[in-house]
Amino acid sequence: MKKNNFFSRKPFILLAASAVLLAGSTIGSTRAALTYYSENYSAEVEVPSIGVSLLENGSVVAKRDYNHKNDQWNTVQEPLFENTLNGEKLKPGKKYKEVLTVSNSGTIDNYVRVILYKSWMDPAGNKDTTLSPKLIDLNILEGNRWVIDEKASTTERTVLYYTGIVPAGGSTPAITDTLRIDTSVADKVTEKITADEAGNKIITTVYEYDGYKFNLEAEVDAVQTHNAQDAIKSAWGVDVNVSDNGTLSLR
């Protein structure tokens, strides 16, 4: 009897990272206002710039920083989950280390929001809604100042806010710690019986979701702390309260 098993394909992961700079049109005028000239010397005071980075297991996988000197965004974008498997095939049921954190790579304090997207793609590259995103078990660590916006979240999308200020050069606690694909994706199987040229019966076990891929996407936004309530409303469209110590709470 010959048995062929198929599954465990390397996942195709996408990453998106973005940063929101409020009142960006004022950068030029602000920079000019902070440039001092005299007959003897000229000196330019460095204008603070906003920036945000996403780290996976301690390594930067996405970064977007505003460089006021050339009025450009410096970006880095790498795929998630690239080095986690270390060459092995993905095994449903096994937990993989997936520690996501956010760092403030700019020069001003900011607030950050993270949106996590999970979905499935069939072998043809089409989105498949018959498989639940919940089978992509990305363990979110609540209780360390990360809160989920339940009103804005769905089974495919989780919206999280870090309720504290992230100082320039600082980082948030971990958002997640592990990733696991539920074993039920390998439970649905069929057996195909064929015969070879000699008439020997061949039983082939085929997994229903052979060749499927899961998508995991993380989107990161940063907003300045100055006039935080108005800034967050403008950038993210949500109403928040800001305490005297800078702690955010959703209304």
C-alpha atoms as a PDB file:
ATOM      1  CA  MET A   1       0.000   0.000   0.000  1.00  0.00           C
ATOM      2  CA  LYS A   2       1.345   3.400  -0.921  1.00  0.00           C
ATOM      3  CA  LYS A   3       0.212   6.439   0.987  1.00  0.00           C
ATOM      4  CA  ASN A   4       0.972   9.980  -0.086  1.00  0.00           C
ATOM      5  CA  ASN A   5       0.330  12.803   2.355  1.00  0.00           C
ATOM      6  CA  PHE A   6       0.192  16.425   1.327  1.00  0.00           C
ATOM      7  CA  PHE A   7       0.071  19.613   3.397  1.00  0.00           C
ATOM      8  CA  SER A   8       2.622  21.669   5.318  1.00  0.00           C
ATOM      9  CA  ARG A   9       3.554  24.232   2.705  1.00  0.00           C
ATOM     10  CA  LYS A  10       5.557  27.325   3.581  1.00  0.00           C
ATOM     11  CA  PRO A  11       3.072  30.147   4.258  1.00  0.00           C
ATOM     12  CA  PHE A  12       2.920  33.282   2.195  1.00  0.00           C
ATOM     13  CA  ILE A  13       2.925  36.232   4.538  1.00  0.00           C
ATOM     14  CA  LEU A  14       2.420  39.871   3.762  1.00  0.00           C
ATOM     15  CA  LEU A  15       3.366  42.837   5.868  1.00  0.00           C
ATOM     16  CA  ALA A  16       2.248  46.404   5.631  1.00  0.00           C
ATOM     17  CA  ALA A  17       3.443  49.207   7.832  1.00  0.00           C
ATOM     18  CA  SER A  18       2.422  52.805   7.768  1.00  0.00           C
ATOM     19  CA  ALA A  19       2.905  55.884   9.872  1.00  0.00           C
ATOM     20  CA  VAL A  20       0.624  58.884  10.056  1.00  0.00           C
ATOM     21  CA  LEU A  21       2.189  62.322  10.349  1.00  0.00           C
ATOM     22  CA  LEU A  22      -0.361  64.928  11.290  1.00  0.00           C
ATOM     23  CA  ALA A  23      -0.159  68.491  10.061  1.00  0.00           C
ATOM     24  CA  GLY A  24       2.585  67.436   7.667  1.00  0.00           C
ATOM     25  CA  SER A  25       2.093  70.548   5.586  1.00  0.00           C
ATOM     26  CA  THR A  26       3.529  72.649   8.411  1.00  0.00           C
ATOM     27  CA  ILE A  27       6.906  70.931   8.365  1.00  0.00           C
ATOM     28  CA  GLY A  28       8.392  73.328   5.866  1.00  0.00           C
ATOM     29  CA  SER A  29       7.271  76.443   7.667  1.00  0.00           C
ATOM     30  CA  THR A  30       8.233  75.037  11.053  1.00  0.00           C
ATOM     31  CA  ARG A  31      11.708  74.188   9.837  1.00  0.00           C
ATOM     32  CA  ALA A  32      12.128  77.654   8.406  1.00  0.00           C
ATOM     33  CA  ALA A  33      10.956  79.253  11.636  1.00  0.00           C
ATOM     34  CA  LEU A  34      13.577  77.338  13.592  1.00  0.00           C
ATOM     35  CA  THR A  35      16.441  78.350  11.358  1.00  0.00           C
ATOM     36  CA  TYR A  36      18.451  81.243  12.807  1.00  0.00           C
ATOM     37  CA  TYR A  37      20.756  83.436  10.787  1.00  0.00           C
ATOM     38  CA  SER A  38      23.153  86.208  11.782  1.00  0.00           C
ATOM     39  CA  GLU A  39      26.063  88.013  10.177  1.00  0.00           C
ATOM     40  CA  ASN A  40      28.539  85.710  11.909  1.00  0.00           C
ATOM     41  CA  TYR A  41      26.963  82.271  11.645  1.00  0.00           C
ATOM     42  CA  SER A  42      23.901  80.302  10.776  1.00  0.00           C
ATOM     43  CA  ALA A  43      22.494  77.409  12.772  1.00  0.00           C
ATOM     44  CA  GLU A  44      19.575  75.141  12.094  1.00  0.00           C
ATOM     45  CA  VAL A  45      17.752  73.644  15.043  1.00  0.00           C
ATOM     46  CA  GLU A  46      16.777  70.061  14.281  1.00  0.00           C
ATOM     47  CA  VAL A  47      13.023  69.658  13.934  1.00  0.00           C
ATOM     48  CA  PRO A  48      11.601  66.609  15.731  1.00  0.00           C
ATOM     49  CA  SER A  49      10.314  63.949  13.341  1.00  0.00           C
ATOM     50  CA  ILE A  50       7.775  61.177  13.767  1.00  0.00           C
ATOM     51  CA  GLY A  51       8.715  57.548  13.155  1.00  0.00           C
ATOM     52  CA  VAL A  52       7.510  54.028  13.935  1.00  0.00           C
ATOM     53  CA  SER A  53       8.953  50.515  13.542  1.00  0.00           C
ATOM     54  CA  LEU A  54       7.507  47.037  13.812  1.00  0.00           C
ATOM     55  CA  LEU A  55       9.746  44.352  15.306  1.00  0.00           C
ATOM     56  CA  GLU A  56       9.322  40.604  14.980  1.00  0.00           C
ATOM     57  CA  ASN A  57      11.249  38.501  17.488  1.00  0.00           C
ATOM     58  CA  GLY A  58      13.545  41.462  18.106  1.00  0.00           C
ATOM     59  CA  SER A  59      14.300  42.319  14.466  1.00  0.00           C
ATOM     60  CA  VAL A  60      12.900  45.294  12.560  1.00  0.00           C
ATOM     61  CA  VAL A  61      10.642  44.072   9.754  1.00  0.00           C
ATOM     62  CA  ALA A  62       8.961  47.376   8.910  1.00  0.00           C
ATOM     63  CA  LYS A  63       9.918  50.965   9.515  1.00  0.00           C
ATOM     64  CA  ARG A  64       8.689  54.382   8.406  1.00  0.00           C
ATOM     65  CA  ASP A  65      10.440  57.506   9.631  1.00  0.00           C
ATOM     66  CA  TYR A  66      10.022  61.051   8.440  1.00  0.00           C
ATOM     67  CA  ASN A  67      13.262  62.855   7.554  1.00  0.00           C
ATOM     68  CA  HIS A  68      12.549  66.578   7.774  1.00  0.00           C
ATOM     69  CA  LYS A  69      15.894  67.508   6.190  1.00  0.00           C
ATOM     70  CA  ASN A  70      14.938  66.128   2.783  1.00  0.00           C
ATOM     71  CA  ASP A  71      11.172  66.021   3.364  1.00  0.00           C
ATOM     72  CA  GLN A  72      11.038  62.286   2.669  1.00  0.00           C
ATOM     73  CA  TRP A  73       9.933  59.099   4.373  1.00  0.00           C
ATOM     74  CA  ASN A  74      12.576  56.458   5.083  1.00  0.00           C
ATOM     75  CA  THR A  75      10.962  53.034   4.859  1.00  0.00           C
ATOM     76  CA  VAL A  76      11.897  49.404   5.476  1.00  0.00           C
ATOM     77  CA  GLN A  77       9.564  46.516   4.658  1.00  0.00           C
ATOM     78  CA  GLU A  78      10.294  42.823   5.089  1.00  0.00           C
ATOM     79  CA  PRO A  79       7.949  39.806   5.166  1.00  0.00           C
ATOM     80  CA  LEU A  80       6.715  38.508   8.483  1.00  0.00           C
ATOM     81  CA  PHE A  81       7.460  34.971   9.656  1.00  0.00           C
ATOM     82  CA  GLU A  82      10.429  34.793   7.285  1.00  0.00           C
ATOM     83  CA  ASN A  83      12.952  33.199   9.640  1.00  0.00           C
ATOM     84  CA  THR A  84      10.708  31.622  12.259  1.00  0.00           C
ATOM     85  CA  LEU A  85      10.475  28.170  10.691  1.00  0.00           C
ATOM     86  CA  ASN A  86      14.253  27.790  10.267  1.00  0.00           C
ATOM     87  CA  GLY A  87      13.801  25.646   7.178  1.00  0.00           C
ATOM     88  CA  GLU A  88      11.216  23.248   8.569  1.00  0.00           C
ATOM     89  CA  LYS A  89       7.767  22.769   7.110  1.00  0.00           C
ATOM     90  CA  LEU A  90       4.882  24.383   8.905  1.00  0.00           C
ATOM     91  CA  LYS A  91       3.259  21.933  11.320  1.00  0.00           C
ATOM     92  CA  PRO A  92      -0.371  22.526  12.325  1.00  0.00           C
ATOM     93  CA  GLY A  93      -0.716  22.477  16.098  1.00  0.00           C
ATOM     94  CA  LYS A  94       2.843  23.585  16.795  1.00  0.00           C
ATOM     95  CA  LYS A  95       3.431  26.930  18.472  1.00  0.00           C
ATOM     96  CA  TYR A  96       6.002  29.179  16.867  1.00  0.00           C
ATOM     97  CA  LYS A  97       7.600  32.167  18.521  1.00  0.00           C
ATOM     98  CA  GLU A  98       5.992  35.292  17.096  1.00  0.00           C
ATOM     99  CA  VAL A  99       6.761  38.266  19.329  1.00  0.00           C
ATOM    100  CA  LEU A 100       5.552  41.501  17.762  1.00  0.00           C
ATOM    101  CA  THR A 101       6.472  44.836  19.314  1.00  0.00           C
ATOM    102  CA  VAL A 102       6.459  48.464  18.211  1.00  0.00           C
ATOM    103  CA  SER A 103       9.280  50.926  18.697  1.00  0.00           C
ATOM    104  CA  ASN A 104       9.338  54.692  18.364  1.00  0.00           C
ATOM    105  CA  SER A 105      12.081  55.251  15.811  1.00  0.00           C
ATOM    106  CA  GLY A 106      11.390  58.973  15.546  1.00  0.00           C
ATOM    107  CA  THR A 107      12.515  61.872  17.695  1.00  0.00           C
ATOM    108  CA  ILE A 108       9.171  62.789  19.281  1.00  0.00           C
ATOM    109  CA  ASP A 109       6.894  60.888  21.654  1.00  0.00           C
ATOM    110  CA  ASN A 110       3.898  59.235  20.053  1.00  0.00           C
ATOM    111  CA  TYR A 111       0.864  57.020  20.430  1.00  0.00           C
ATOM    112  CA  VAL A 112       0.603  53.869  18.349  1.00  0.00           C
ATOM    113  CA  ARG A 113      -2.120  51.696  16.893  1.00  0.00           C
ATOM    114  CA  VAL A 114      -1.686  48.222  15.411  1.00  0.00           C
ATOM    115  CA  ILE A 115      -4.125  46.460  13.097  1.00  0.00           C
ATOM    116  CA  LEU A 116      -3.670  42.728  12.576  1.00  0.00           C
ATOM    117  CA  TYR A 117      -5.228  41.007   9.556  1.00  0.00           C
ATOM    118  CA  LYS A 118      -5.667  37.243   9.152  1.00  0.00           C
ATOM    119  CA  SER A 119      -7.056  35.375   6.140  1.00  0.00           C
ATOM    120  CA  TRP A 120      -6.714  32.262   3.976  1.00  0.00           C
ATOM    121  CA  MET A 121      -5.858  31.921   0.302  1.00  0.00           C
ATOM    122  CA  ASP A 122      -6.618  28.897  -1.856  1.00  0.00           C
ATOM    123  CA  PRO A 123      -3.999  27.382  -4.216  1.00  0.00           C
ATOM    124  CA  ALA A 124      -5.202  29.673  -7.022  1.00  0.00           C
ATOM    125  CA  GLY A 125      -4.470  32.737  -4.916  1.00  0.00           C
ATOM    126  CA  ASN A 126      -8.085  33.596  -4.178  1.00  0.00           C
ATOM    127  CA  LYS A 127      -9.314  34.523  -0.735  1.00  0.00           C
ATOM    128  CA  ASP A 128     -11.203  31.643   0.870  1.00  0.00           C
ATOM    129  CA  THR A 129     -13.827  32.506   3.473  1.00  0.00           C
ATOM    130  CA  THR A 130     -14.784  28.901   4.225  1.00  0.00           C
ATOM    131  CA  LEU A 131     -11.743  28.619   6.493  1.00  0.00           C
ATOM    132  CA  SER A 132     -12.082  30.724   9.610  1.00  0.00           C
ATOM    133  CA  PRO A 133      -9.350  33.277  10.394  1.00  0.00           C
ATOM    134  CA  LYS A 134      -9.643  32.036  13.970  1.00  0.00           C
ATOM    135  CA  LEU A 135      -7.690  28.950  12.883  1.00  0.00           C
ATOM    136  CA  ILE A 136      -4.699  31.293  12.572  1.00  0.00           C
ATOM    137  CA  ASP A 137      -4.077  31.489  16.297  1.00  0.00           C
ATOM    138  CA  LEU A 138      -1.966  34.586  16.877  1.00  0.00           C
ATOM    139  CA  ASN A 139      -1.859  34.887  20.652  1.00  0.00           C
ATOM    140  CA  ILE A 140      -2.497  38.504  21.653  1.00  0.00           C
ATOM    141  CA  LEU A 141      -1.176  39.661  24.998  1.00  0.00           C
ATOM    142  CA  GLU A 142      -3.757  41.905  26.619  1.00  0.00           C
ATOM    143  CA  GLY A 143      -3.265  43.415  30.042  1.00  0.00           C
ATOM    144  CA  ASN A 144       0.110  45.018  29.270  1.00  0.00           C
ATOM    145  CA  ARG A 145      -1.435  48.331  28.181  1.00  0.00           C
ATOM    146  CA  TRP A 146      -2.580  46.965  24.822  1.00  0.00           C
ATOM    147  CA  VAL A 147      -6.369  47.124  24.414  1.00  0.00           C
ATOM    148  CA  ILE A 148      -8.554  45.758  21.621  1.00  0.00           C
ATOM    149  CA  ASP A 149     -11.093  48.058  20.017  1.00  0.00           C
ATOM    150  CA  GLU A 150     -13.941  45.582  19.935  1.00  0.00           C
ATOM    151  CA  LYS A 151     -16.190  47.919  17.930  1.00  0.00           C
ATOM    152  CA  ALA A 152     -13.685  48.144  15.080  1.00  0.00           C
ATOM    153  CA  SER A 153     -12.530  44.508  15.145  1.00  0.00           C
ATOM    154  CA  THR A 154     -13.864  41.547  13.153  1.00  0.00           C
ATOM    155  CA  THR A 155     -12.886  37.895  12.781  1.00  0.00           C
ATOM    156  CA  GLU A 156     -10.383  38.967  10.117  1.00  0.00           C
ATOM    157  CA  ARG A 157      -9.197  42.237  11.659  1.00  0.00           C
ATOM    158  CA  THR A 158      -8.056  43.065  15.193  1.00  0.00           C
ATOM    159  CA  VAL A 159      -7.533  46.720  16.079  1.00  0.00           C
ATOM    160  CA  LEU A 160      -5.307  47.419  19.087  1.00  0.00           C
ATOM    161  CA  TYR A 161      -4.225  50.609  20.807  1.00  0.00           C
ATOM    162  CA  TYR A 162      -1.318  51.033  23.146  1.00  0.00           C
ATOM    163  CA  THR A 163      -2.700  53.153  25.945  1.00  0.00           C
ATOM    164  CA  GLY A 164       0.609  54.651  27.032  1.00  0.00           C
ATOM    165  CA  ILE A 165       2.944  57.156  25.452  1.00  0.00           C
ATOM    166  CA  VAL A 166       5.821  55.581  23.525  1.00  0.00           C
ATOM    167  CA  PRO A 167       8.806  57.887  24.105  1.00  0.00           C
ATOM    168  CA  ALA A 168      11.303  58.632  21.363  1.00  0.00           C
ATOM    169  CA  GLY A 169      13.655  55.668  21.203  1.00  0.00           C
ATOM    170  CA  GLY A 170      11.351  53.565  23.381  1.00  0.00           C
ATOM    171  CA  SER A 171       9.333  50.427  22.687  1.00  0.00           C
ATOM    172  CA  THR A 172       6.016  48.917  23.685  1.00  0.00           C
ATOM    173  CA  PRO A 173       5.549  45.626  25.489  1.00  0.00           C
ATOM    174  CA  ALA A 174       4.910  42.649  23.236  1.00  0.00           C
ATOM    175  CA  ILE A 175       1.621  42.569  21.351  1.00  0.00           C
ATOM    176  CA  THR A 176       1.793  38.818  20.635  1.00  0.00           C
ATOM    177  CA  ASP A 177       4.034  35.946  21.653  1.00  0.00           C
ATOM    178  CA  THR A 178       3.123  32.848  19.610  1.00  0.00           C
ATOM    179  CA  LEU A 179       1.550  31.776  16.339  1.00  0.00           C
ATOM    180  CA  ARG A 180      -0.183  28.434  15.866  1.00  0.00           C
ATOM    181  CA  ILE A 181      -2.232  26.990  13.018  1.00  0.00           C
ATOM    182  CA  ASP A 182      -5.163  24.985  14.346  1.00  0.00           C
ATOM    183  CA  THR A 183      -4.924  21.265  13.653  1.00  0.00           C
ATOM    184  CA  SER A 184      -8.466  21.190  12.251  1.00  0.00           C
ATOM    185  CA  VAL A 185      -7.118  22.411   8.892  1.00  0.00           C
ATOM    186  CA  ALA A 186      -5.547  18.965   8.515  1.00  0.00           C
ATOM    187  CA  ASP A 187      -8.553  17.003   9.756  1.00  0.00           C
ATOM    188  CA  LYS A 188     -10.627  17.152   6.588  1.00  0.00           C
ATOM    189  CA  VAL A 189      -9.240  14.457   4.301  1.00  0.00           C
ATOM    190  CA  THR A 190     -10.389  12.209   1.497  1.00  0.00           C
ATOM    191  CA  GLU A 191      -8.923   8.969   0.180  1.00  0.00           C
ATOM    192  CA  LYS A 192      -8.498   8.490  -3.529  1.00  0.00           C
ATOM    193  CA  ILE A 193      -8.147   4.895  -4.729  1.00  0.00           C
ATOM    194  CA  THR A 194      -6.380   4.267  -8.024  1.00  0.00           C
ATOM    195  CA  ALA A 195      -4.419   1.428  -9.600  1.00  0.00           C
ATOM    196  CA  ASP A 196      -0.994   1.357 -11.214  1.00  0.00           C
ATOM    197  CA  GLU A 197      -0.092  -0.389 -14.476  1.00  0.00           C
ATOM    198  CA  ALA A 198       0.353  -3.698 -12.661  1.00  0.00           C
ATOM    199  CA  GLY A 199      -3.093  -3.473 -11.134  1.00  0.00           C
ATOM    200  CA  ASN A 200      -1.844  -2.695  -7.651  1.00  0.00           C
ATOM    201  CA  LYS A 201      -4.235  -0.572  -5.636  1.00  0.00           C
ATOM    202  CA  ILE A 202      -2.913   2.797  -4.569  1.00  0.00           C
ATOM    203  CA  ILE A 203      -4.597   4.717  -1.768  1.00  0.00           C
ATOM    204  CA  THR A 204      -3.753   8.402  -1.712  1.00  0.00           C
ATOM    205  CA  THR A 205      -4.727  10.548   1.260  1.00  0.00           C
ATOM    206  CA  VAL A 206      -5.480  14.082   0.149  1.00  0.00           C
ATOM    207  CA  TYR A 207      -5.960  16.929   2.587  1.00  0.00           C
ATOM    208  CA  GLU A 208      -8.858  19.207   1.718  1.00  0.00           C
ATOM    209  CA  TYR A 209      -6.757  22.298   2.258  1.00  0.00           C
ATOM    210  CA  ASP A 210      -3.565  21.081   0.611  1.00  0.00           C
ATOM    211  CA  GLY A 211      -1.751  24.038  -0.921  1.00  0.00           C
ATOM    212  CA  TYR A 212      -3.627  26.661   1.086  1.00  0.00           C
ATOM    213  CA  LYS A 213      -1.731  29.627   2.446  1.00  0.00           C
ATOM    214  CA  PHE A 214      -2.431  31.918   5.346  1.00  0.00           C
ATOM    215  CA  ASN A 215      -1.926  35.651   5.310  1.00  0.00           C
ATOM    216  CA  LEU A 216      -0.824  37.576   8.364  1.00  0.00           C
ATOM    217  CA  GLU A 217      -0.546  41.325   8.011  1.00  0.00           C
ATOM    218  CA  ALA A 218       0.364  43.939  10.612  1.00  0.00           C
ATOM    219  CA  GLU A 219      -0.302  47.626  10.044  1.00  0.00           C
ATOM    220  CA  VAL A 220       1.268  50.146  12.407  1.00  0.00           C
ATOM    221  CA  ASP A 221       0.362  53.824  12.794  1.00  0.00           C
ATOM    222  CA  ALA A 222       1.907  56.535  14.956  1.00  0.00           C
ATOM    223  CA  VAL A 223       0.319  59.802  16.051  1.00  0.00           C
ATOM    224  CA  GLN A 224       1.935  62.737  17.820  1.00  0.00           C
ATOM    225  CA  THR A 225       1.146  63.323  21.498  1.00  0.00           C
ATOM    226  CA  HIS A 226       0.638  67.047  21.035  1.00  0.00           C
ATOM    227  CA  ASN A 227      -3.117  67.801  21.074  1.00  0.00           C
ATOM    228  CA  ALA A 228      -3.566  64.048  21.288  1.00  0.00           C
ATOM    229  CA  GLN A 229      -7.348  63.893  21.351  1.00  0.00           C
ATOM    230  CA  ASP A 230      -7.749  65.956  18.200  1.00  0.00           C
ATOM    231  CA  ALA A 231      -4.763  64.282  16.539  1.00  0.00           C
ATOM    232  CA  ILE A 232      -6.115  60.786  17.168  1.00  0.00           C
ATOM    233  CA  LYS A 233      -9.609  61.755  16.048  1.00  0.00           C
ATOM    234  CA  SER A 234      -8.185  63.186  12.827  1.00  0.00           C
ATOM    235  CA  ALA A 235      -5.816  60.298  12.091  1.00  0.00           C
ATOM    236  CA  TRP A 236      -7.759  57.296  13.352  1.00  0.00           C
ATOM    237  CA  GLY A 237     -11.350  58.509  13.522  1.00  0.00           C
ATOM    238  CA  VAL A 238     -11.845  57.461  17.138  1.00  0.00           C
ATOM    239  CA  ASP A 239     -12.703  59.415  20.260  1.00  0.00           C
ATOM    240  CA  VAL A 240     -10.391  58.943  23.223  1.00  0.00           C
ATOM    241  CA  ASN A 241      -9.844  60.390  26.650  1.00  0.00           C
ATOM    242  CA  VAL A 242      -6.326  61.339  27.703  1.00  0.00           C
ATOM    243  CA  SER A 243      -5.522  61.419  31.414  1.00  0.00           C
ATOM    244  CA  ASP A 244      -3.080  63.797  33.052  1.00  0.00           C
ATOM    245  CA  ASN A 245      -0.327  61.162  32.838  1.00  0.00           C
ATOM    246  CA  GLY A 246      -0.969  60.613  29.119  1.00  0.00           C
ATOM    247  CA  THR A 247      -2.901  57.339  29.374  1.00  0.00           C
ATOM    248  CA  LEU A 248      -5.432  56.761  26.590  1.00  0.00           C
ATOM    249  CA  SER A 249      -8.868  55.260  27.032  1.00  0.00           C
ATOM    250  CA  LEU A 250     -11.416  54.587  24.308  1.00  0.00           C
ATOM    251  CA  ARG A 251     -14.788  56.227  24.639  1.00  0.00           C
END
